[in-house]
């Protein structure tokens, strides 16, 4: 079935909360969502919850946790492996819903669902790999050991740009390590996230272990963070909001995992194939229409290579095909809302007032069918100066800036001269340069000779204004979802 046919059959859904293993009616306060590629297409209506409904979900999660924590880890893993299989089997429908509400092209949505299943399987395996140590005792007839225990109810708050993989990164490890979850997706993208609840339910996750509460962050998110039964908050979103959440949680000594903004550089020092380098950079810059925290948004290149690289970048950007998800030729979709599109263009205009030459794009696409959605032409800007708005501000859109520098030392300095520290790439033939950058880069993830793509078994997270704790994926997430208990035994 094609995506358009699927939408004809499935649009008009009314989505409610999922609490204690049961679906609730959306209620009269339900809020509509629309297709970013066809802004007048109403996809459905979803609940706009009250603080009381949040309390109900958290209390259900706490009750469920009291028994879920005692389920052996390998048994929890079996359930999560089953969930991954179900996710694979339902991948096409979930990808259709994802593309419809978020706008990304169908190839990206299919890739996201596939990646979510892969990360879900990694977390399923983690349930059998919970660490503990046996240590020598000071006593002759003694034993000393450590064990990890789940911390309790997790408040998981996800953004609109990755409505499937980001929830999986929060829910799957929480369940693997024995926690329960109350999950709030973005009010802009609740559809695919709702479909995930049935995946977990049908896999055999007990009632109350995973709960979904839909609505606005000011009501739902705040109530989740402040509830006394919540022992961990996992949030993905803006740096400003993350700082506020961290401050509120710290008052109750509640753990936080914060995946925040980025202004990620690609430093180019040498290459035998600049076209290949350009394709790597452009792929990392314009995926998800540039609306992702790990998008490359700055190219820092030595002046001796700059002209040739800019020519290759321009060709790669011009090859991008903008269109709706159901267009098989499209490689970049619309932005999420008209307001966000305006925010990106306003920031772009402010940045260009400080200098820079637009080589591609720089404007909204309004002709013909583009007028139906929130489209912005992929944009390449040359001659951006270090320290300016375009060089330091996160636009969160399809905009790539080129900064020319005279020396390797200045390239490294410019790469670090931002408030963020999420991901960074370097392209070079010189292993010493690469290792020097790996050590000097003020970022949580460094990529050598490729774009900013992560892998399911490595830690994911940033430093500085980009985050708090590399706990999204990888074995390091046990540091967030579990606490260590020391045990002393005497025979």
Protein backbone atom coordinates (compact mmCIF):
# COMPACT_ATOMS: atom_id res chain seq x y z
CA UNK A 1 0.00 0.00 0.00
CA UNK A 2 1.30 3.47 -0.87
CA UNK A 3 1.66 6.16 1.77
CA UNK A 4 -1.10 8.29 0.20
CA UNK A 5 -3.50 5.34 0.20
CA UNK A 6 -2.59 4.55 3.78
CA UNK A 7 -3.26 8.16 4.80
CA UNK A 8 -6.66 8.12 3.12
CA UNK A 9 -7.60 5.09 5.21
CA UNK A 10 -6.02 6.11 8.52
CA UNK A 11 -6.26 9.90 8.81
CA UNK A 12 -8.82 11.20 11.25
CA UNK A 13 -7.57 9.14 14.18
CA UNK A 14 -8.42 10.29 17.71
CA UNK A 15 -5.57 9.44 20.04
CA UNK A 16 -5.79 9.35 23.80
CA UNK A 17 -3.51 8.53 26.70
CA UNK A 18 -2.22 5.03 27.47
CA UNK A 19 -2.31 4.53 31.23
CA UNK A 20 -2.05 1.30 33.25
CA UNK A 21 -2.25 -0.79 30.09
CA UNK A 22 -5.46 0.78 28.78
CA UNK A 23 -6.23 3.40 26.14
CA UNK A 24 -8.24 6.41 27.27
CA UNK A 25 -10.52 8.60 25.18
CA UNK A 26 -8.96 11.75 23.76
CA UNK A 27 -11.64 13.95 25.35
CA UNK A 28 -13.16 17.23 24.25
CA UNK A 29 -9.89 19.14 24.68
CA UNK A 30 -8.16 17.11 21.94
CA UNK A 31 -5.80 19.07 19.68
CA UNK A 32 -5.48 18.51 15.92
CA UNK A 33 -2.22 17.77 14.14
CA UNK A 34 -1.48 18.61 10.50
CA UNK A 35 0.78 17.36 7.72
CA UNK A 36 3.80 19.68 7.27
CA UNK A 37 3.85 18.85 3.56
CA UNK A 38 0.14 19.64 3.21
CA UNK A 39 -0.48 22.12 5.96
CA UNK A 40 -4.27 22.00 5.59
CA UNK A 41 -4.45 18.19 5.85
CA UNK A 42 -5.79 17.33 9.30
CA UNK A 43 -4.26 14.01 10.32
CA UNK A 44 -6.15 13.53 13.54
CA UNK A 45 -6.77 14.78 17.05
CA UNK A 46 -4.84 13.86 20.16
CA UNK A 47 -5.40 14.34 23.87
CA UNK A 48 -4.38 17.51 25.68
CA UNK A 49 -3.96 16.15 29.18
CA UNK A 50 -4.37 17.71 32.58
CA UNK A 51 -1.97 17.55 35.50
CA UNK A 52 -4.39 15.12 37.14
CA UNK A 53 -4.00 12.66 34.28
CA UNK A 54 -0.22 12.94 34.63
CA UNK A 55 -0.52 12.07 38.32
CA UNK A 56 -2.64 9.05 37.45
CA UNK A 57 -0.05 7.80 34.96
CA UNK A 58 2.85 8.27 37.35
CA UNK A 59 1.05 6.47 40.16
CA UNK A 60 0.28 3.59 37.77
CA UNK A 61 3.94 3.49 36.74
CA UNK A 62 5.06 3.38 40.36
CA UNK A 63 2.72 0.50 41.20
CA UNK A 64 3.91 -1.43 38.15
CA UNK A 65 7.56 -0.76 38.97
CA UNK A 66 7.24 -2.45 42.35
CA UNK A 67 6.77 -5.78 40.56
CA UNK A 68 8.63 -5.09 37.28
CA UNK A 69 11.90 -4.48 39.13
CA UNK A 70 11.72 -8.07 40.46
CA UNK A 71 11.37 -9.61 37.00
CA UNK A 72 14.76 -11.17 36.14
CA UNK A 73 16.77 -9.13 33.66
CA UNK A 74 16.94 -11.87 31.00
CA UNK A 75 13.16 -12.22 31.17
CA UNK A 76 12.73 -8.49 30.65
CA UNK A 77 15.10 -8.82 27.70
CA UNK A 78 12.94 -11.50 26.09
CA UNK A 79 9.98 -9.12 26.14
CA UNK A 80 12.05 -6.33 24.58
CA UNK A 81 13.40 -8.63 21.86
CA UNK A 82 9.78 -9.50 21.08
CA UNK A 83 8.95 -5.78 20.91
CA UNK A 84 11.75 -5.26 18.40
CA UNK A 85 10.32 -7.99 16.17
CA UNK A 86 6.86 -6.43 16.34
CA UNK A 87 8.34 -3.01 15.51
CA UNK A 88 9.99 -4.53 12.45
CA UNK A 89 6.71 -6.11 11.37
CA UNK A 90 4.85 -2.79 11.68
CA UNK A 91 7.65 -0.65 10.29
CA UNK A 92 5.86 0.52 7.15
CA UNK A 93 2.73 1.80 8.89
CA UNK A 94 4.76 3.49 11.63
CA UNK A 95 7.01 5.09 9.00
CA UNK A 96 3.93 6.40 7.17
CA UNK A 97 2.58 7.99 10.35
CA UNK A 98 6.01 9.40 11.19
CA UNK A 99 6.43 11.02 7.76
CA UNK A 100 2.88 12.34 7.76
CA UNK A 101 3.15 14.19 11.07
CA UNK A 102 6.84 15.15 11.01
CA UNK A 103 7.40 15.72 7.28
CA UNK A 104 10.64 13.83 6.69
CA UNK A 105 10.94 11.85 3.49
CA UNK A 106 9.82 8.25 3.62
CA UNK A 107 13.32 6.83 3.20
CA UNK A 108 14.40 8.67 6.36
CA UNK A 109 11.33 7.50 8.29
CA UNK A 110 11.93 3.89 7.29
CA UNK A 111 15.55 4.29 8.35
CA UNK A 112 14.49 5.75 11.69
CA UNK A 113 12.14 2.87 12.46
CA UNK A 114 14.82 0.38 11.48
CA UNK A 115 17.33 2.15 13.70
CA UNK A 116 14.83 2.13 16.57
CA UNK A 117 14.45 -1.66 16.26
CA UNK A 118 18.24 -2.05 16.28
CA UNK A 119 18.60 0.07 19.42
CA UNK A 120 15.71 -1.76 21.03
CA UNK A 121 17.55 -5.05 20.50
CA UNK A 122 20.72 -3.63 22.02
CA UNK A 123 18.77 -2.58 25.11
CA UNK A 124 17.14 -6.01 25.26
CA UNK A 125 20.61 -7.53 25.48
CA UNK A 126 21.60 -5.05 28.18
CA UNK A 127 19.00 -6.60 30.47
CA UNK A 128 21.38 -9.59 30.74
CA UNK A 129 24.50 -7.42 31.13
CA UNK A 130 23.75 -5.43 34.27
CA UNK A 131 27.07 -4.88 35.99
CA UNK A 132 28.12 -5.82 39.49
CA UNK A 133 31.50 -6.40 41.11
CA UNK A 134 32.81 -8.92 43.59
CA UNK A 135 35.61 -7.37 45.67
CA UNK A 136 38.00 -8.60 48.36
CA UNK A 137 36.75 -8.03 51.87
CA UNK A 138 38.82 -6.64 54.74
CA UNK A 139 37.50 -9.52 56.86
CA UNK A 140 38.85 -13.07 56.64
CA UNK A 141 35.41 -14.66 56.40
CA UNK A 142 33.78 -11.84 54.50
CA UNK A 143 32.59 -11.13 51.00
CA UNK A 144 32.06 -7.72 49.43
CA UNK A 145 30.09 -7.01 46.30
CA UNK A 146 28.12 -4.38 44.45
CA UNK A 147 24.82 -4.69 42.65
CA UNK A 148 22.77 -2.36 40.48
CA UNK A 149 19.12 -1.62 41.12
CA UNK A 150 16.61 0.35 39.00
CA UNK A 151 15.96 3.85 40.23
CA UNK A 152 12.17 3.81 39.71
CA UNK A 153 9.77 5.85 37.59
CA UNK A 154 11.31 7.68 34.62
CA UNK A 155 9.72 10.78 33.12
CA UNK A 156 10.63 10.60 29.42
CA UNK A 157 10.09 13.75 27.33
CA UNK A 158 10.83 13.55 23.61
CA UNK A 159 10.94 16.16 20.79
CA UNK A 160 9.24 16.26 17.40
CA UNK A 161 12.21 15.64 15.09
CA UNK A 162 12.66 11.90 15.77
CA UNK A 163 9.28 10.66 17.04
CA UNK A 164 10.26 6.96 17.04
CA UNK A 165 13.95 6.51 17.75
CA UNK A 166 14.15 9.09 20.55
CA UNK A 167 11.34 7.47 22.58
CA UNK A 168 12.97 4.07 22.09
CA UNK A 169 16.24 5.48 23.47
CA UNK A 170 14.42 6.44 26.65
CA UNK A 171 11.91 3.63 27.09
CA UNK A 172 13.94 0.58 26.05
CA UNK A 173 16.89 0.96 28.44
CA UNK A 174 14.58 2.02 31.25
CA UNK A 175 12.63 -1.22 30.89
CA UNK A 176 15.76 -3.31 30.41
CA UNK A 177 17.20 -2.11 33.72
CA UNK A 178 13.91 -2.54 35.59
CA UNK A 179 12.47 0.98 35.62
CA UNK A 180 8.97 2.03 34.56
CA UNK A 181 8.18 4.97 32.28
CA UNK A 182 5.73 7.80 31.79
CA UNK A 183 6.34 9.11 28.29
CA UNK A 184 5.37 12.45 26.80
CA UNK A 185 5.98 12.97 23.07
CA UNK A 186 5.86 16.36 21.40
CA UNK A 187 2.33 17.65 20.89
CA UNK A 188 3.32 18.10 17.21
CA UNK A 189 4.16 14.41 16.64
CA UNK A 190 2.04 12.17 18.89
CA UNK A 191 0.87 9.69 16.24
CA UNK A 192 3.92 7.46 15.70
CA UNK A 193 4.71 7.63 19.42
CA UNK A 194 1.21 6.34 20.17
CA UNK A 195 1.75 3.41 17.81
CA UNK A 196 4.80 2.46 19.89
CA UNK A 197 2.60 1.87 22.93
CA UNK A 198 0.80 -0.95 21.13
CA UNK A 199 4.18 -2.42 20.19
CA UNK A 200 5.15 -2.69 23.86
CA UNK A 201 1.70 -3.83 24.94
CA UNK A 202 1.54 -6.58 22.33
CA UNK A 203 5.08 -7.68 23.23
CA UNK A 204 3.90 -8.47 26.75
CA UNK A 205 5.11 -5.46 28.76
CA UNK A 206 2.95 -5.54 31.89
CA UNK A 207 0.26 -2.91 32.40
CA UNK A 208 1.60 0.32 33.86
CA UNK A 209 5.26 -0.30 33.06
CA UNK A 210 4.96 1.99 30.03
CA UNK A 211 2.49 4.88 30.01
CA UNK A 212 1.79 7.63 27.48
CA UNK A 213 0.49 11.08 28.41
CA UNK A 214 -0.16 13.52 25.58
CA UNK A 215 -0.33 17.29 25.76
CA UNK A 216 1.53 20.56 26.12
CA UNK A 217 4.87 20.78 27.90
CA UNK A 218 3.76 23.59 30.16
CA UNK A 219 1.16 21.33 31.75
CA UNK A 220 2.19 17.73 31.17
CA UNK A 221 5.97 18.15 31.23
CA UNK A 222 6.00 20.35 34.32
CA UNK A 223 3.71 17.97 36.21
CA UNK A 224 5.95 15.02 35.32
CA UNK A 225 9.13 16.73 36.48
CA UNK A 226 7.68 17.87 39.80
CA UNK A 227 5.93 14.65 40.81
CA UNK A 228 7.50 13.12 43.96
CA UNK A 229 7.38 9.56 42.59
CA UNK A 230 9.52 10.42 39.55
CA UNK A 231 13.16 9.49 40.18
CA UNK A 232 14.69 10.27 36.80
CA UNK A 233 13.97 12.71 33.97
CA UNK A 234 15.16 11.97 30.44
CA UNK A 235 14.68 14.99 28.19
CA UNK A 236 15.62 15.76 24.60
CA UNK A 237 15.11 19.31 23.40
CA UNK A 238 16.45 22.83 23.62
CA UNK A 239 19.34 23.86 25.85
CA UNK A 240 17.22 26.53 27.53
CA UNK A 241 14.46 24.11 28.47
CA UNK A 242 16.98 21.50 29.55
CA UNK A 243 18.61 23.93 31.96
CA UNK A 244 15.24 24.71 33.52
CA UNK A 245 14.43 21.01 33.91
CA UNK A 246 17.81 20.34 35.50
CA UNK A 247 17.27 23.14 38.00
CA UNK A 248 13.81 21.88 38.97
CA UNK A 249 14.93 18.25 39.28
CA UNK A 250 18.00 19.14 41.32
CA UNK A 251 15.82 20.55 44.09
CA UNK A 252 14.56 17.00 44.72
CA UNK A 253 17.88 15.27 43.99
CA UNK A 254 16.29 13.67 40.91
CA UNK A 255 18.59 12.45 38.16
CA UNK A 256 18.48 14.03 34.73
CA UNK A 257 19.61 12.91 31.29
CA UNK A 258 19.61 15.88 28.93
CA UNK A 259 20.21 15.67 25.18
CA UNK A 260 20.23 19.28 24.04
CA UNK A 261 21.30 21.53 21.17
CA UNK A 262 24.34 21.50 18.93
CA UNK A 263 26.38 23.62 16.54
CA UNK A 264 28.42 20.82 15.07
CA UNK A 265 31.52 21.47 12.97
CA UNK A 266 33.11 19.58 10.11
CA UNK A 267 36.81 20.49 9.99
CA UNK A 268 38.35 19.82 6.57
CA UNK A 269 42.17 19.74 6.44
CA UNK A 270 42.96 17.37 3.55
CA UNK A 271 41.25 14.94 1.20
CA UNK A 272 41.96 13.01 -1.97
CA UNK A 273 38.29 13.09 -3.00
CA UNK A 274 36.61 16.35 -2.05
CA UNK A 275 33.38 15.27 -3.75
CA UNK A 276 33.13 12.34 -1.34
CA UNK A 277 33.84 14.64 1.61
CA UNK A 278 31.17 17.05 0.40
CA UNK A 279 28.62 14.24 0.15
CA UNK A 280 29.40 13.15 3.71
CA UNK A 281 28.99 16.69 5.01
CA UNK A 282 25.84 17.51 3.05
CA UNK A 283 24.24 14.21 4.07
CA UNK A 284 24.89 15.02 7.73
CA UNK A 285 23.81 18.65 7.34
CA UNK A 286 20.49 18.27 5.54
CA UNK A 287 19.06 14.99 6.87
CA UNK A 288 15.73 15.64 8.59
CA UNK A 289 15.82 19.03 6.83
CA UNK A 290 18.63 20.04 9.18
CA UNK A 291 16.28 19.65 12.14
CA UNK A 292 18.47 17.41 14.29
CA UNK A 293 20.85 18.09 17.13
CA UNK A 294 23.76 16.27 15.46
CA UNK A 295 23.41 18.03 12.09
CA UNK A 296 26.63 19.51 10.73
CA UNK A 297 25.98 23.23 10.46
CA UNK A 298 29.55 24.61 10.12
CA UNK A 299 32.27 23.65 7.67
CA UNK A 300 35.65 24.91 8.85
CA UNK A 301 38.11 24.55 5.99
CA UNK A 302 41.70 25.59 5.32
CA UNK A 303 41.88 28.44 2.82
CA UNK A 304 44.08 26.34 0.53
CA UNK A 305 41.20 23.85 0.08
CA UNK A 306 38.26 26.19 0.42
CA UNK A 307 37.46 27.05 -3.20
CA UNK A 308 37.49 23.43 -4.34
CA UNK A 309 35.49 22.22 -1.36
CA UNK A 310 32.89 24.96 -1.72
CA UNK A 311 32.39 23.99 -5.35
CA UNK A 312 31.86 20.35 -4.32
CA UNK A 313 29.49 21.36 -1.51
CA UNK A 314 27.47 23.53 -3.86
CA UNK A 315 27.06 20.65 -6.32
CA UNK A 316 25.96 18.31 -3.52
CA UNK A 317 23.44 20.82 -2.13
CA UNK A 318 22.01 21.52 -5.58
CA UNK A 319 21.46 17.77 -6.01
CA UNK A 320 19.03 17.71 -3.08
CA UNK A 321 15.45 17.11 -4.23
CA UNK A 322 12.91 18.86 -1.99
CA UNK A 323 9.43 17.39 -1.80
CA UNK A 324 6.78 15.55 0.24
CA UNK A 325 7.44 12.18 1.83
CA UNK A 326 5.44 10.23 -0.74
CA UNK A 327 7.55 11.56 -3.64
CA UNK A 328 10.08 8.75 -4.29
CA UNK A 329 12.52 11.26 -5.78
CA UNK A 330 12.47 13.58 -2.74
CA UNK A 331 15.54 13.60 -0.50
CA UNK A 332 14.51 16.46 1.84
CA UNK A 333 11.09 17.27 3.22
CA UNK A 334 9.45 20.37 4.72
CA UNK A 335 10.12 21.92 8.09
CA UNK A 336 7.83 20.99 10.95
CA UNK A 337 5.69 24.17 11.12
CA UNK A 338 5.35 27.55 9.46
CA UNK A 339 6.46 29.20 12.72
CA UNK A 340 9.65 27.15 12.79
CA UNK A 341 10.30 27.92 9.13
CA UNK A 342 9.99 31.62 9.92
CA UNK A 343 12.30 31.23 12.90
CA UNK A 344 15.00 29.72 10.69
CA UNK A 345 14.67 32.39 7.99
CA UNK A 346 14.70 35.18 10.59
CA UNK A 347 17.90 33.79 12.11
CA UNK A 348 19.34 33.44 8.62
CA UNK A 349 18.55 37.07 7.79
CA UNK A 350 20.13 38.24 11.03
CA UNK A 351 23.22 36.18 10.34
CA UNK A 352 23.62 37.46 6.78
CA UNK A 353 23.56 41.03 8.05
CA UNK A 354 27.00 40.26 9.52
CA UNK A 355 28.38 39.01 6.20
CA UNK A 356 28.47 35.88 4.09
CA UNK A 357 27.48 34.99 0.53
CA UNK A 358 24.48 32.79 -0.19
CA UNK A 359 25.47 30.22 -2.81
CA UNK A 360 22.29 28.13 -2.69
CA UNK A 361 18.83 28.62 -1.22
CA UNK A 362 18.21 31.14 1.51
CA UNK A 363 14.47 31.43 0.88
CA UNK A 364 11.14 29.70 1.44
CA UNK A 365 9.77 27.63 -1.43
CA UNK A 366 6.27 28.88 -2.26
CA UNK A 367 5.66 28.07 -5.92
CA UNK A 368 3.26 25.35 -7.14
CA UNK A 369 2.84 22.45 -4.66
CA UNK A 370 5.49 23.89 -2.34
CA UNK A 371 2.86 26.43 -1.25
CA UNK A 372 0.98 23.56 0.41
CA UNK A 373 3.74 22.98 2.99
CA UNK A 374 6.50 24.52 5.07
CA UNK A 375 9.40 24.26 2.66
CA UNK A 376 12.77 25.99 2.87
CA UNK A 377 15.36 25.65 0.13
CA UNK A 378 18.58 23.94 1.27
CA UNK A 379 20.99 26.77 1.95
CA UNK A 380 24.78 27.05 1.60
CA UNK A 381 26.59 30.19 2.76
CA UNK A 382 30.25 30.95 2.10
CA UNK A 383 32.47 33.51 3.79
CA UNK A 384 30.93 33.27 7.27
CA UNK A 385 33.20 34.83 9.88
CA UNK A 386 34.07 33.20 13.22
CA UNK A 387 32.16 34.65 16.15
CA UNK A 388 29.15 35.76 14.12
CA UNK A 389 25.53 34.68 14.52
CA UNK A 390 25.71 32.11 11.73
CA UNK A 391 28.92 30.69 13.15
CA UNK A 392 27.65 30.24 16.69
CA UNK A 393 23.84 30.13 16.74
CA UNK A 394 21.85 26.91 16.26
CA UNK A 395 19.35 27.52 13.45
CA UNK A 396 17.91 23.98 13.49
CA UNK A 397 17.19 24.02 9.79
CA UNK A 398 18.70 23.28 6.36
CA UNK A 399 21.49 25.86 6.53
CA UNK A 400 25.20 25.10 6.15
CA UNK A 401 27.87 27.77 6.71
CA UNK A 402 31.45 27.72 5.41
CA UNK A 403 34.18 29.32 7.53
CA UNK A 404 37.61 29.71 5.94
CA UNK A 405 40.66 29.67 8.21
CA UNK A 406 44.40 29.97 7.49
CA UNK A 407 45.81 27.34 9.87
CA UNK A 408 45.02 24.04 11.54
CA UNK A 409 45.36 25.66 14.93
CA UNK A 410 42.73 28.26 14.10
CA UNK A 411 40.45 25.57 12.67
CA UNK A 412 40.48 23.73 15.99
CA UNK A 413 39.92 26.95 17.94
CA UNK A 414 36.94 27.96 15.79
CA UNK A 415 35.45 24.49 16.10
CA UNK A 416 35.39 24.85 19.90
CA UNK A 417 34.27 28.50 19.96
CA UNK A 418 30.58 27.80 20.63
CA UNK A 419 28.45 27.14 23.70
CA UNK A 420 27.65 23.64 22.45
CA UNK A 421 29.64 20.41 22.44
CA UNK A 422 27.64 17.57 20.94
CA UNK A 423 29.30 16.15 17.81
CA UNK A 424 32.22 17.08 15.57
CA UNK A 425 33.79 15.71 12.39
CA UNK A 426 37.28 16.02 10.96
CA UNK A 427 38.41 15.10 7.44
CA UNK A 428 42.15 14.59 7.07
CA UNK A 429 44.77 12.15 5.78
CA UNK A 430 47.09 12.97 8.67
CA UNK A 431 46.60 10.61 11.60
CA UNK A 432 48.38 13.00 13.94
CA UNK A 433 45.97 15.79 13.01
CA UNK A 434 43.03 13.45 13.51
CA UNK A 435 44.18 12.29 16.95
CA UNK A 436 45.04 15.83 17.97
CA UNK A 437 41.50 16.90 17.09
CA UNK A 438 39.99 13.92 18.89
CA UNK A 439 41.77 15.02 22.06
CA UNK A 440 41.14 18.76 21.68
CA UNK A 441 37.56 18.71 20.44
CA UNK A 442 35.14 19.97 23.07
CA UNK A 443 32.38 17.56 22.12
CA UNK A 444 30.86 14.34 23.36
CA UNK A 445 31.26 12.53 20.04
CA UNK A 446 34.04 12.86 17.44
CA UNK A 447 33.88 11.43 13.91
CA UNK A 448 36.98 11.01 11.76
CA UNK A 449 36.49 11.06 7.98
CA UNK A 450 32.72 10.61 8.10
CA UNK A 451 29.58 12.49 9.09
CA UNK A 452 27.88 12.62 12.46
CA UNK A 453 26.19 9.19 12.44
CA UNK A 454 26.03 7.28 15.73
CA UNK A 455 25.94 3.55 16.44
CA UNK A 456 23.59 1.70 18.77
CA UNK A 457 26.25 0.31 21.14
CA UNK A 458 28.24 3.52 21.76
CA UNK A 459 27.42 6.28 24.25
CA UNK A 460 25.50 9.23 22.82
CA UNK A 461 25.61 12.64 24.46
CA UNK A 462 27.30 16.00 24.63
CA UNK A 463 29.07 18.40 26.94
CA UNK A 464 28.83 22.13 27.60
CA UNK A 465 25.43 23.39 26.44
CA UNK A 466 24.71 20.20 24.50
CA UNK A 467 23.77 17.91 27.30
CA UNK A 468 24.17 16.24 30.61
CA UNK A 469 25.10 12.58 30.61
CA UNK A 470 25.92 10.25 27.68
CA UNK A 471 22.99 8.02 28.52
CA UNK A 472 20.82 7.92 25.38
CA UNK A 473 22.34 4.74 23.94
CA UNK A 474 25.24 2.43 24.71
CA UNK A 475 26.23 0.64 27.90
CA UNK A 476 26.79 3.95 29.69
CA UNK A 477 23.03 4.41 30.08
CA UNK A 478 23.04 2.05 33.07
CA UNK A 479 24.68 4.90 35.00
CA UNK A 480 21.41 6.82 34.67
CA UNK A 481 18.78 4.11 35.03
CA UNK A 482 20.36 2.24 37.94
CA UNK A 483 21.90 2.95 41.30
CA UNK A 484 24.74 1.02 42.95
CA UNK A 485 24.21 -0.80 46.22
CA UNK A 486 27.19 -2.05 48.24
CA UNK A 487 26.71 -5.40 50.00
CA UNK A 488 28.82 -6.81 52.88
CA UNK A 489 28.53 -10.53 53.68
CA UNK A 490 29.97 -12.31 56.70
CA UNK A 491 30.07 -16.11 56.91
